[in-house]
Amino acid sequence: MELLPGEKIIMQDDAKSDFFGKGILYMTNTRILLDVKTGGFLSKTTEVKLDKALGTINAVSAPGGKQLQMQFEGSVEPTNIYVANAEKWEAAIKSALAVSGKM
């Protein structure tokens, strides 16, 4: 994962997605990313499977304590990511969106 000029990591946590797999969820001052581990036992690499601008999040919630649910613009189904403290992620995303005037 590469950061854009002026971009800073705000939060990061181990995460799991039923669709993308296990990896690390990052929230920067501009984006939300999921960097997933891929490959076999000896040749592990990482690949960014989710890379969305924070402004494309229409709704965010933490309905199950460890489940972070985000609805992105243009998506029919919400994206579910499992993290240790989903409520903390929900609050941070809502705060970033409020600062930007999105929510």
N, C-alpha and C. Protein backbone atom coordinates (compact mmCIF):
# COMPACT_ATOMS: atom_id res chain seq x y z
N MET A 1 0.84 -1.18 0.00
CA MET A 1 0.00 0.00 0.00
C MET A 1 0.88 1.24 0.00
N GLU A 2 0.56 2.16 -0.89
CA GLU A 2 1.31 3.41 -0.95
C GLU A 2 0.40 4.57 -0.58
N LEU A 3 0.95 5.48 0.20
CA LEU A 3 0.21 6.67 0.57
C LEU A 3 0.39 7.74 -0.49
N LEU A 4 -0.64 8.52 -0.68
CA LEU A 4 -0.58 9.64 -1.61
C LEU A 4 0.13 10.81 -0.94
N PRO A 5 0.63 11.78 -1.71
CA PRO A 5 1.27 12.95 -1.10
C PRO A 5 0.29 13.65 -0.14
N GLY A 6 0.75 13.92 1.07
CA GLY A 6 -0.07 14.59 2.07
C GLY A 6 -1.02 13.67 2.82
N GLU A 7 -1.03 12.40 2.48
CA GLU A 7 -1.93 11.45 3.13
C GLU A 7 -1.26 10.88 4.38
N LYS A 8 -2.07 10.71 5.46
CA LYS A 8 -1.55 10.20 6.72
C LYS A 8 -2.48 9.10 7.23
N ILE A 9 -1.88 8.06 7.82
CA ILE A 9 -2.68 6.98 8.41
C ILE A 9 -3.24 7.47 9.75
N ILE A 10 -4.55 7.37 9.91
CA ILE A 10 -5.22 7.77 11.14
C ILE A 10 -5.41 6.55 12.04
N MET A 11 -5.83 5.42 11.44
CA MET A 11 -6.08 4.19 12.18
C MET A 11 -5.67 2.99 11.34
N GLN A 12 -5.30 1.92 12.02
CA GLN A 12 -5.07 0.65 11.35
C GLN A 12 -5.34 -0.47 12.33
N ASP A 13 -5.84 -1.59 11.81
CA ASP A 13 -6.22 -2.70 12.66
C ASP A 13 -6.27 -3.97 11.82
N ASP A 14 -6.00 -5.11 12.46
CA ASP A 14 -6.20 -6.39 11.80
C ASP A 14 -7.68 -6.51 11.45
N ALA A 15 -7.96 -7.04 10.27
CA ALA A 15 -9.34 -7.12 9.82
C ALA A 15 -9.57 -8.37 8.99
N LYS A 16 -10.84 -8.70 8.83
CA LYS A 16 -11.23 -9.84 8.02
C LYS A 16 -12.49 -9.48 7.26
N SER A 17 -12.55 -9.92 6.01
CA SER A 17 -13.73 -9.75 5.19
C SER A 17 -14.10 -11.10 4.60
N ASP A 18 -15.38 -11.44 4.63
CA ASP A 18 -15.81 -12.70 4.02
C ASP A 18 -15.51 -12.71 2.53
N PHE A 19 -15.53 -11.55 1.91
CA PHE A 19 -15.32 -11.43 0.47
C PHE A 19 -13.84 -11.31 0.09
N PHE A 20 -13.09 -10.48 0.84
CA PHE A 20 -11.70 -10.18 0.48
C PHE A 20 -10.66 -11.04 1.19
N GLY A 21 -10.95 -11.52 2.39
CA GLY A 21 -9.99 -12.30 3.17
C GLY A 21 -9.45 -11.52 4.36
N LYS A 22 -8.34 -12.02 4.93
CA LYS A 22 -7.73 -11.40 6.11
C LYS A 22 -6.65 -10.40 5.70
N GLY A 23 -6.54 -9.34 6.48
CA GLY A 23 -5.52 -8.34 6.19
C GLY A 23 -5.51 -7.24 7.22
N ILE A 24 -5.16 -6.04 6.77
CA ILE A 24 -5.10 -4.87 7.66
C ILE A 24 -5.99 -3.79 7.06
N LEU A 25 -6.87 -3.26 7.90
CA LEU A 25 -7.74 -2.16 7.51
C LEU A 25 -7.06 -0.86 7.90
N TYR A 26 -6.99 0.07 6.97
CA TYR A 26 -6.39 1.38 7.21
C TYR A 26 -7.42 2.46 6.95
N MET A 27 -7.38 3.49 7.79
CA MET A 27 -8.12 4.71 7.50
C MET A 27 -7.10 5.82 7.45
N THR A 28 -7.05 6.51 6.33
CA THR A 28 -6.17 7.67 6.21
C THR A 28 -7.04 8.92 6.28
N ASN A 29 -6.43 10.07 6.14
CA ASN A 29 -7.21 11.30 6.16
C ASN A 29 -8.05 11.45 4.89
N THR A 30 -7.86 10.57 3.89
CA THR A 30 -8.64 10.67 2.65
C THR A 30 -9.30 9.37 2.20
N ARG A 31 -8.81 8.21 2.66
CA ARG A 31 -9.30 6.94 2.13
C ARG A 31 -9.48 5.89 3.21
N ILE A 32 -10.21 4.82 2.82
CA ILE A 32 -10.29 3.61 3.62
C ILE A 32 -9.75 2.49 2.74
N LEU A 33 -8.82 1.69 3.29
CA LEU A 33 -8.16 0.64 2.50
C LEU A 33 -8.12 -0.66 3.27
N LEU A 34 -8.21 -1.76 2.53
CA LEU A 34 -8.02 -3.08 3.11
C LEU A 34 -6.90 -3.74 2.33
N ASP A 35 -5.78 -3.96 3.01
CA ASP A 35 -4.59 -4.59 2.44
C ASP A 35 -4.62 -6.06 2.87
N VAL A 36 -4.82 -6.97 1.92
CA VAL A 36 -5.05 -8.38 2.21
C VAL A 36 -3.82 -9.21 1.90
N LYS A 37 -3.54 -10.18 2.77
CA LYS A 37 -2.43 -11.12 2.55
C LYS A 37 -2.87 -12.15 1.52
N THR A 38 -2.02 -12.37 0.50
CA THR A 38 -2.31 -13.36 -0.53
C THR A 38 -1.09 -14.24 -0.72
N GLY A 39 -1.28 -15.33 -1.45
CA GLY A 39 -0.15 -16.22 -1.75
C GLY A 39 -0.14 -17.43 -0.85
N GLY A 40 0.88 -18.26 -1.06
CA GLY A 40 1.01 -19.50 -0.32
C GLY A 40 1.83 -19.35 0.94
N PHE A 41 2.19 -20.49 1.51
CA PHE A 41 2.91 -20.54 2.78
C PHE A 41 4.26 -19.83 2.70
N LEU A 42 4.99 -20.01 1.62
CA LEU A 42 6.34 -19.42 1.50
C LEU A 42 6.37 -18.10 0.75
N SER A 43 5.33 -17.81 0.01
CA SER A 43 5.37 -16.60 -0.83
C SER A 43 4.20 -15.67 -0.53
N LYS A 44 4.15 -15.18 0.69
CA LYS A 44 3.08 -14.27 1.07
C LYS A 44 3.37 -12.86 0.53
N THR A 45 2.34 -12.26 -0.03
CA THR A 45 2.40 -10.87 -0.47
C THR A 45 1.13 -10.20 0.02
N THR A 46 1.04 -8.91 -0.17
CA THR A 46 -0.19 -8.21 0.17
C THR A 46 -0.72 -7.51 -1.07
N GLU A 47 -2.02 -7.34 -1.08
CA GLU A 47 -2.69 -6.69 -2.21
C GLU A 47 -3.83 -5.84 -1.66
N VAL A 48 -3.94 -4.62 -2.14
CA VAL A 48 -5.01 -3.74 -1.71
C VAL A 48 -6.30 -4.20 -2.41
N LYS A 49 -7.25 -4.68 -1.60
CA LYS A 49 -8.51 -5.20 -2.15
C LYS A 49 -9.64 -4.17 -2.05
N LEU A 50 -9.52 -3.25 -1.13
CA LEU A 50 -10.52 -2.20 -0.97
C LEU A 50 -9.78 -0.88 -0.88
N ASP A 51 -10.13 0.05 -1.74
CA ASP A 51 -9.50 1.37 -1.77
C ASP A 51 -10.57 2.37 -2.16
N LYS A 52 -11.18 3.00 -1.18
CA LYS A 52 -12.29 3.93 -1.43
C LYS A 52 -12.02 5.25 -0.74
N ALA A 53 -12.39 6.33 -1.39
CA ALA A 53 -12.31 7.65 -0.78
C ALA A 53 -13.32 7.72 0.35
N LEU A 54 -12.95 8.38 1.45
CA LEU A 54 -13.87 8.51 2.59
C LEU A 54 -15.18 9.16 2.16
N GLY A 55 -15.12 10.09 1.23
CA GLY A 55 -16.31 10.79 0.77
C GLY A 55 -17.31 9.92 0.03
N THR A 56 -16.92 8.69 -0.33
CA THR A 56 -17.85 7.80 -1.03
C THR A 56 -18.64 6.93 -0.06
N ILE A 57 -18.43 7.10 1.25
CA ILE A 57 -19.18 6.34 2.25
C ILE A 57 -20.49 7.07 2.52
N ASN A 58 -21.60 6.41 2.20
CA ASN A 58 -22.93 6.99 2.44
C ASN A 58 -23.44 6.70 3.84
N ALA A 59 -23.05 5.54 4.40
CA ALA A 59 -23.49 5.16 5.74
C ALA A 59 -22.46 4.22 6.35
N VAL A 60 -22.33 4.29 7.68
CA VAL A 60 -21.42 3.41 8.40
C VAL A 60 -22.06 3.05 9.74
N SER A 61 -21.92 1.77 10.12
CA SER A 61 -22.46 1.34 11.41
C SER A 61 -21.64 0.17 11.93
N ALA A 62 -21.82 -0.12 13.21
CA ALA A 62 -21.15 -1.26 13.85
C ALA A 62 -22.23 -2.09 14.54
N PRO A 63 -23.04 -2.83 13.75
CA PRO A 63 -24.19 -3.52 14.33
C PRO A 63 -23.87 -4.71 15.22
N GLY A 64 -22.67 -5.31 15.07
CA GLY A 64 -22.40 -6.51 15.84
C GLY A 64 -21.21 -6.43 16.77
N GLY A 65 -20.77 -5.23 17.11
CA GLY A 65 -19.63 -5.10 18.00
C GLY A 65 -18.29 -5.26 17.28
N LYS A 66 -18.14 -6.34 16.52
CA LYS A 66 -16.89 -6.55 15.78
C LYS A 66 -17.10 -6.40 14.28
N GLN A 67 -18.32 -6.08 13.88
CA GLN A 67 -18.63 -5.94 12.46
C GLN A 67 -18.77 -4.46 12.10
N LEU A 68 -17.97 -4.02 11.13
CA LEU A 68 -18.06 -2.66 10.62
C LEU A 68 -18.76 -2.75 9.27
N GLN A 69 -19.88 -2.05 9.14
CA GLN A 69 -20.66 -2.11 7.91
C GLN A 69 -20.62 -0.74 7.25
N MET A 70 -20.16 -0.71 5.99
CA MET A 70 -20.07 0.54 5.26
C MET A 70 -20.85 0.43 3.95
N GLN A 71 -21.62 1.46 3.64
CA GLN A 71 -22.35 1.53 2.38
C GLN A 71 -21.66 2.57 1.52
N PHE A 72 -21.06 2.12 0.40
CA PHE A 72 -20.35 3.02 -0.50
C PHE A 72 -21.26 3.47 -1.64
N GLU A 73 -21.03 4.67 -2.15
CA GLU A 73 -21.77 5.16 -3.31
C GLU A 73 -21.63 4.15 -4.45
N GLY A 74 -22.73 3.87 -5.12
CA GLY A 74 -22.70 2.98 -6.27
C GLY A 74 -22.75 1.50 -5.93
N SER A 75 -22.73 1.15 -4.65
CA SER A 75 -22.79 -0.26 -4.24
C SER A 75 -24.21 -0.60 -3.80
N VAL A 76 -24.68 -1.76 -4.22
CA VAL A 76 -26.01 -2.21 -3.82
C VAL A 76 -25.97 -2.79 -2.42
N GLU A 77 -24.96 -3.62 -2.15
CA GLU A 77 -24.81 -4.28 -0.85
C GLU A 77 -23.79 -3.54 0.00
N PRO A 78 -23.97 -3.52 1.32
CA PRO A 78 -22.95 -2.92 2.18
C PRO A 78 -21.70 -3.80 2.24
N THR A 79 -20.58 -3.20 2.53
CA THR A 79 -19.31 -3.91 2.72
C THR A 79 -19.15 -4.18 4.21
N ASN A 80 -18.94 -5.44 4.57
CA ASN A 80 -18.77 -5.83 5.97
C ASN A 80 -17.32 -6.19 6.23
N ILE A 81 -16.73 -5.54 7.21
CA ILE A 81 -15.35 -5.82 7.63
C ILE A 81 -15.40 -6.12 9.12
N TYR A 82 -14.69 -7.16 9.54
CA TYR A 82 -14.66 -7.54 10.94
C TYR A 82 -13.36 -7.06 11.57
N VAL A 83 -13.48 -6.19 12.56
CA VAL A 83 -12.33 -5.64 13.29
C VAL A 83 -12.60 -5.75 14.79
N ALA A 84 -11.55 -5.68 15.60
CA ALA A 84 -11.68 -5.86 17.04
C ALA A 84 -12.59 -4.81 17.68
N ASN A 85 -12.50 -3.57 17.27
CA ASN A 85 -13.27 -2.50 17.89
C ASN A 85 -14.03 -1.72 16.82
N ALA A 86 -15.09 -2.32 16.30
CA ALA A 86 -15.86 -1.71 15.21
C ALA A 86 -16.48 -0.37 15.60
N GLU A 87 -16.88 -0.24 16.87
CA GLU A 87 -17.48 1.03 17.31
C GLU A 87 -16.48 2.18 17.20
N LYS A 88 -15.22 1.91 17.52
CA LYS A 88 -14.17 2.93 17.41
C LYS A 88 -13.98 3.35 15.95
N TRP A 89 -14.02 2.36 15.05
CA TRP A 89 -13.90 2.66 13.62
C TRP A 89 -15.09 3.47 13.13
N GLU A 90 -16.28 3.06 13.56
CA GLU A 90 -17.49 3.79 13.16
C GLU A 90 -17.40 5.25 13.60
N ALA A 91 -17.00 5.49 14.84
CA ALA A 91 -16.89 6.86 15.36
C ALA A 91 -15.84 7.66 14.59
N ALA A 92 -14.70 7.04 14.28
CA ALA A 92 -13.64 7.74 13.56
C ALA A 92 -14.06 8.10 12.14
N ILE A 93 -14.75 7.17 11.47
CA ILE A 93 -15.21 7.44 10.10
C ILE A 93 -16.27 8.52 10.10
N LYS A 94 -17.22 8.44 11.04
CA LYS A 94 -18.26 9.46 11.13
C LYS A 94 -17.66 10.82 11.44
N SER A 95 -16.66 10.86 12.30
CA SER A 95 -15.99 12.11 12.63
C SER A 95 -15.30 12.70 11.39
N ALA A 96 -14.60 11.85 10.64
CA ALA A 96 -13.92 12.33 9.42
C ALA A 96 -14.92 12.84 8.39
N LEU A 97 -16.05 12.15 8.28
CA LEU A 97 -17.08 12.57 7.33
C LEU A 97 -17.74 13.86 7.77
N ALA A 98 -17.93 14.04 9.09
CA ALA A 98 -18.51 15.27 9.61
C ALA A 98 -17.60 16.46 9.35
N VAL A 99 -16.30 16.26 9.54
CA VAL A 99 -15.32 17.33 9.30
C VAL A 99 -15.34 17.75 7.83
N SER A 100 -15.51 16.76 6.95
CA SER A 100 -15.52 17.05 5.51
C SER A 100 -16.88 17.57 5.03
N GLY A 101 -17.88 17.53 5.91
CA GLY A 101 -19.21 18.01 5.55
C GLY A 101 -20.08 16.97 4.88
N LYS A 102 -19.64 15.72 4.87
CA LYS A 102 -20.38 14.64 4.21
C LYS A 102 -21.54 14.15 5.08
N MET A 103 -21.37 14.10 6.41
CA MET A 103 -22.46 13.63 7.31
C MET A 103 -22.82 14.72 8.29
